[in-house]
Protein backbone atom coordinates (compact mmCIF):
# COMPACT_ATOMS: atom_id res chain seq x y z
CA UNK A 1 -0.26 -0.24 0.23
CA UNK A 2 1.63 3.47 -0.62
CA UNK A 3 2.25 5.71 2.20
CA UNK A 4 -0.72 8.16 2.96
CA UNK A 5 1.81 10.57 1.90
CA UNK A 6 2.32 9.72 -1.43
CA UNK A 7 -1.46 8.91 -1.91
CA UNK A 8 -2.19 12.64 -0.41
CA UNK A 9 0.10 14.35 -2.78
CA UNK A 10 -0.85 11.95 -5.93
CA UNK A 11 -4.79 12.88 -5.26
CA UNK A 12 -5.25 16.38 -3.49
CA UNK A 13 -2.07 17.91 -4.47
CA UNK A 14 -0.83 18.28 -0.31
CA UNK A 15 2.66 17.55 0.87
CA UNK A 16 2.65 15.87 4.46
CA UNK A 17 5.87 16.26 6.63
CA UNK A 18 7.84 13.82 8.09
CA UNK A 19 6.29 14.98 11.26
CA UNK A 20 2.78 15.29 9.62
CA UNK A 21 2.98 11.73 8.54
CA UNK A 22 4.06 10.57 12.03
CA UNK A 23 0.96 12.33 13.63
CA UNK A 24 -1.41 10.37 11.23
CA UNK A 25 0.29 7.50 12.68
CA UNK A 26 -0.48 8.30 15.91
CA UNK A 27 -3.91 9.09 15.26
CA UNK A 28 -4.31 5.55 13.74
CA UNK A 29 -2.70 3.57 16.80
CA UNK A 30 -5.30 5.94 19.27
CA UNK A 31 -8.08 4.93 16.82
CA UNK A 32 -7.66 1.48 17.78
CA UNK A 33 -6.37 1.13 21.04
CA UNK A 34 -9.23 3.47 21.75
CA UNK A 35 -12.19 1.18 19.77
CA UNK A 36 -11.31 -2.03 21.69
CA UNK A 37 -12.82 0.01 24.79
CA UNK A 38 -15.99 2.12 22.60
CA UNK A 39 -17.40 2.11 19.20
CA UNK A 40 -15.69 4.70 17.38
CA UNK A 41 -15.41 3.03 13.97
CA UNK A 42 -15.45 -0.12 11.77
CA UNK A 43 -13.04 0.48 9.98
CA UNK A 44 -10.37 -0.39 12.29
CA UNK A 45 -7.70 -2.12 9.68
CA UNK A 46 -4.61 0.14 8.42
CA UNK A 47 -5.33 0.55 4.92
CA UNK A 48 -9.12 1.40 5.72
CA UNK A 49 -8.52 3.62 7.87
CA UNK A 50 -5.64 5.37 5.64
CA UNK A 51 -8.16 5.66 2.84
CA UNK A 52 -11.77 5.86 4.20
CA UNK A 53 -10.83 8.17 7.26
CA UNK A 54 -7.66 10.11 6.22
CA UNK A 55 -7.56 10.38 2.56
CA UNK A 56 -11.56 11.20 2.65
CA UNK A 57 -10.90 13.88 5.09
CA UNK A 58 -8.32 15.56 2.95
CA UNK A 59 -10.61 15.45 0.48
CA UNK A 60 -12.04 18.15 1.80
CA UNK A 61 -9.20 20.39 0.85
CA UNK A 62 -10.52 20.09 -2.91
CA UNK A 63 -13.79 22.20 -2.33
CA UNK A 64 -11.82 24.36 1.40
CA UNK A 65 -10.83 28.07 1.08
CA UNK A 66 -6.70 28.10 1.94
CA UNK A 67 -7.38 31.32 3.69
CA UNK A 68 -5.10 31.89 6.78
CA UNK A 69 -6.34 31.25 10.07
CA UNK A 70 -9.64 29.51 8.73
CA UNK A 71 -12.32 29.09 11.22
CA UNK A 72 -13.85 25.88 10.74
CA UNK A 73 -16.67 23.40 12.49
CA UNK A 74 -16.53 19.73 12.41
CA UNK A 75 -19.99 19.30 13.07
CA UNK A 76 -21.18 15.49 13.97
CA UNK A 77 -17.11 14.75 13.85
CA UNK A 78 -17.53 11.29 15.73
CA UNK A 79 -14.00 9.89 15.91
CA UNK A 80 -12.44 13.06 14.25
CA UNK A 81 -13.24 13.12 10.46
CA UNK A 82 -12.86 15.35 8.71
CA UNK A 83 -11.55 17.79 11.53
CA UNK A 84 -8.56 16.43 12.51
CA UNK A 85 -6.83 15.28 9.74
CA UNK A 86 -7.48 19.09 8.09
CA UNK A 87 -5.59 20.38 11.47
CA UNK A 88 -2.90 18.22 11.25
CA UNK A 89 -2.21 18.85 7.39
CA UNK A 90 -3.42 23.33 7.75
CA UNK A 91 -2.27 23.60 11.74
CA UNK A 92 -3.09 27.00 11.38
CA UNK A 93 -7.20 26.23 11.01
CA UNK A 94 -8.88 27.32 14.13
CA UNK A 95 -11.21 24.21 14.81
CA UNK A 96 -14.19 23.49 16.89
CA UNK A 97 -14.94 19.57 17.29
CA UNK A 98 -18.69 19.33 17.51
CA UNK A 99 -20.06 16.42 19.28
CA UNK A 100 -23.02 15.10 21.29
CA UNK A 101 -21.35 12.13 22.68
CA UNK A 102 -18.82 12.83 25.59
CA UNK A 103 -16.89 9.37 25.32
CA UNK A 104 -15.79 10.35 22.03
CA UNK A 105 -14.80 13.97 22.89
CA UNK A 106 -12.36 12.44 25.22
CA UNK A 107 -11.26 10.43 22.57
CA UNK A 108 -10.67 13.45 21.04
CA UNK A 109 -9.01 15.57 23.72
CA UNK A 110 -6.50 12.63 23.60
CA UNK A 111 -5.56 12.71 20.17
CA UNK A 112 -4.81 16.33 20.71
CA UNK A 113 -3.01 15.90 23.50
CA UNK A 114 -0.08 12.92 22.22
CA UNK A 115 -0.65 15.31 19.00
CA UNK A 116 0.55 18.47 20.93
CA UNK A 117 -2.49 20.44 18.49
CA UNK A 118 -3.49 23.81 19.55
CA UNK A 119 -6.48 26.26 18.56
CA UNK A 120 -8.90 23.62 19.00
CA UNK A 121 -12.04 23.99 20.50
CA UNK A 122 -14.28 21.03 22.34
CA UNK A 123 -17.94 21.69 21.84
CA UNK A 124 -20.28 19.04 23.53
CA UNK A 125 -24.08 19.59 22.10
CA UNK A 126 -26.09 18.58 19.84
CA UNK A 127 -25.61 20.34 16.08
CA UNK A 128 -29.43 22.36 16.85
CA UNK A 129 -28.63 23.40 20.23
CA UNK A 130 -25.03 25.21 18.76
CA UNK A 131 -26.51 26.97 16.26
CA UNK A 132 -28.57 29.07 18.46
CA UNK A 133 -25.13 29.36 20.66
CA UNK A 134 -24.69 33.52 20.82
CA UNK A 135 -20.65 32.82 20.45
CA UNK A 136 -21.37 30.18 17.35
CA UNK A 137 -23.98 31.13 15.27
CA UNK A 138 -22.79 32.95 11.92
CA UNK A 139 -18.86 32.32 13.37
CA UNK A 140 -17.23 30.33 11.08
CA UNK A 141 -15.77 30.29 7.14
CA UNK A 142 -16.57 26.54 7.04
CA UNK A 143 -18.92 23.84 8.40
CA UNK A 144 -18.17 20.76 7.36
CA UNK A 145 -19.94 17.22 8.30
CA UNK A 146 -19.48 13.66 7.07
CA UNK A 147 -22.22 10.91 7.24
CA UNK A 148 -24.58 13.03 9.78
CA UNK A 149 -27.92 13.34 7.96
CA UNK A 150 -29.77 14.09 4.41
CA UNK A 151 -29.13 16.98 3.25
CA UNK A 152 -32.21 18.92 3.96
CA UNK A 153 -31.16 18.30 7.41
CA UNK A 154 -27.80 18.68 7.37
CA UNK A 155 -27.59 22.41 5.71
CA UNK A 156 -30.34 23.03 8.91
CA UNK A 157 -27.27 21.70 11.08
CA UNK A 158 -24.47 23.97 9.05
CA UNK A 159 -25.67 26.90 7.63
CA UNK A 160 -26.79 28.59 10.90
CA UNK A 161 -22.82 28.30 12.27
CA UNK A 162 -21.77 29.65 8.94
CA UNK A 163 -21.03 33.58 8.47
CA UNK A 164 -22.51 35.39 5.38
CA UNK A 165 -20.05 34.57 2.70
CA UNK A 166 -18.77 31.31 4.31
CA UNK A 167 -19.39 28.00 3.37
CA UNK A 168 -21.43 24.48 4.42
CA UNK A 169 -19.25 21.16 2.75
CA UNK A 170 -21.30 17.71 3.08
CA UNK A 171 -19.68 15.03 2.37
CA UNK A 172 -21.88 12.22 0.42
CA UNK A 173 -21.45 9.44 -1.51
CA UNK A 174 -23.91 8.08 -4.27
CA UNK A 175 -27.08 9.57 -3.17
CA UNK A 176 -25.52 13.51 -3.25
CA UNK A 177 -26.84 14.20 -6.76
CA UNK A 178 -30.85 12.93 -5.33
CA UNK A 179 -30.48 14.61 -1.80
CA UNK A 180 -29.76 17.82 -3.40
CA UNK A 181 -32.57 18.00 -5.97
CA UNK A 182 -35.04 17.21 -2.40
CA UNK A 183 -32.63 20.18 -0.65
CA UNK A 184 -33.17 23.42 -2.51
CA UNK A 185 -36.20 25.26 -0.43
CA UNK A 186 -33.92 24.82 2.59
CA UNK A 187 -30.83 26.32 1.01
CA UNK A 188 -33.23 29.02 -0.09
CA UNK A 189 -34.98 29.59 3.47
CA UNK A 190 -31.73 29.12 5.21
CA UNK A 191 -29.48 31.97 3.25
CA UNK A 192 -27.66 29.16 0.60
CA UNK A 193 -26.65 29.25 -2.14
CA UNK A 194 -25.60 25.99 -3.89
CA UNK A 195 -21.60 26.73 -4.91
CA UNK A 196 -20.47 23.46 -6.43
CA UNK A 197 -20.26 19.51 -6.47
CA UNK A 198 -16.56 18.16 -5.90
CA UNK A 199 -16.05 14.82 -7.19
CA UNK A 200 -13.96 12.45 -5.47
CA UNK A 201 -12.41 8.82 -6.58
CA UNK A 202 -10.46 7.42 -3.76
CA UNK A 203 -8.16 4.15 -4.61
CA UNK A 204 -10.08 0.71 -3.88
CA UNK A 205 -13.11 2.76 -3.27
CA UNK A 206 -15.79 1.57 -5.61
CA UNK A 207 -18.22 4.27 -4.95
CA UNK A 208 -17.60 7.56 -5.86
CA UNK A 209 -17.75 10.25 -3.85
CA UNK A 210 -18.85 14.19 -3.49
CA UNK A 211 -18.27 17.30 -1.73
CA UNK A 212 -21.17 19.50 -2.10
CA UNK A 213 -20.54 22.80 -1.41
CA UNK A 214 -23.04 25.60 -0.45
CA UNK A 215 -22.44 29.13 -0.42
CA UNK A 216 -23.91 31.65 2.59
CA UNK A 217 -25.31 34.13 0.85
CA UNK A 218 -28.26 35.44 3.61
CA UNK A 219 -28.20 35.77 7.04
CA UNK A 220 -30.23 32.73 8.19
CA UNK A 221 -33.76 33.57 10.04
CA UNK A 222 -33.46 33.18 13.62
CA UNK A 223 -36.06 30.22 13.59
CA UNK A 224 -33.42 27.99 12.33
CA UNK A 225 -32.22 25.61 13.68
CA UNK A 226 -35.56 24.29 15.08
CA UNK A 227 -35.57 22.26 17.96
CA UNK A 228 -33.56 18.86 18.22
CA UNK A 229 -34.41 16.44 16.27
CA UNK A 230 -36.81 18.41 13.77
CA UNK A 231 -34.64 19.29 11.24
CA UNK A 232 -34.36 15.17 10.70
CA UNK A 233 -38.22 14.38 11.58
CA UNK A 234 -39.25 17.47 9.22
CA UNK A 235 -37.26 18.34 7.03
CA UNK A 236 -37.27 22.06 5.52
């Protein structure tokens, strides 16, 4: 299997330093270790972690603005994907990891401690709650999520957190175009506009991945996000 550094370079034109490569190795080891005690991921083999977690996360760089001190929130981060790989790659990102499960946040804190990562905030909340917090709402250049919800609900989680001129990035698989078709009303109500769809082909993965990029062009009405559970049970 080619190294992560080689694949990141060939796929996304990213150059990993030896220190960054070592950080990913440590991350993978911690993931495997903690996964024996709690359910972090069903993917535990080294090749799967490299491709389906690390490379998949780094694919976001194909759609992400490259401004200095970018403020990014990873919504429903789980075991840290895609937020932590992006932070390892671009240390100047101001990263917030949003996760509703306390045990997963404990894992994320340990990874950041072991990797000596600074500029990372941990937010123990549901996305619907975070979007109504004064210090979180309309505060981010980018809000990103992977495998959290279908697009109409996901946009209600993401767009309230993004400042006007920023972007929501939804990581999707084969259902991307179908989900976009049913999300136009949500986009309009929440102040978003479809910017682009980036196709991502990962090595030895049959399913084409997609990055749905939605620009925040207007303020999100104060009503949104609605109370926990409503975005998914009654999508816009």
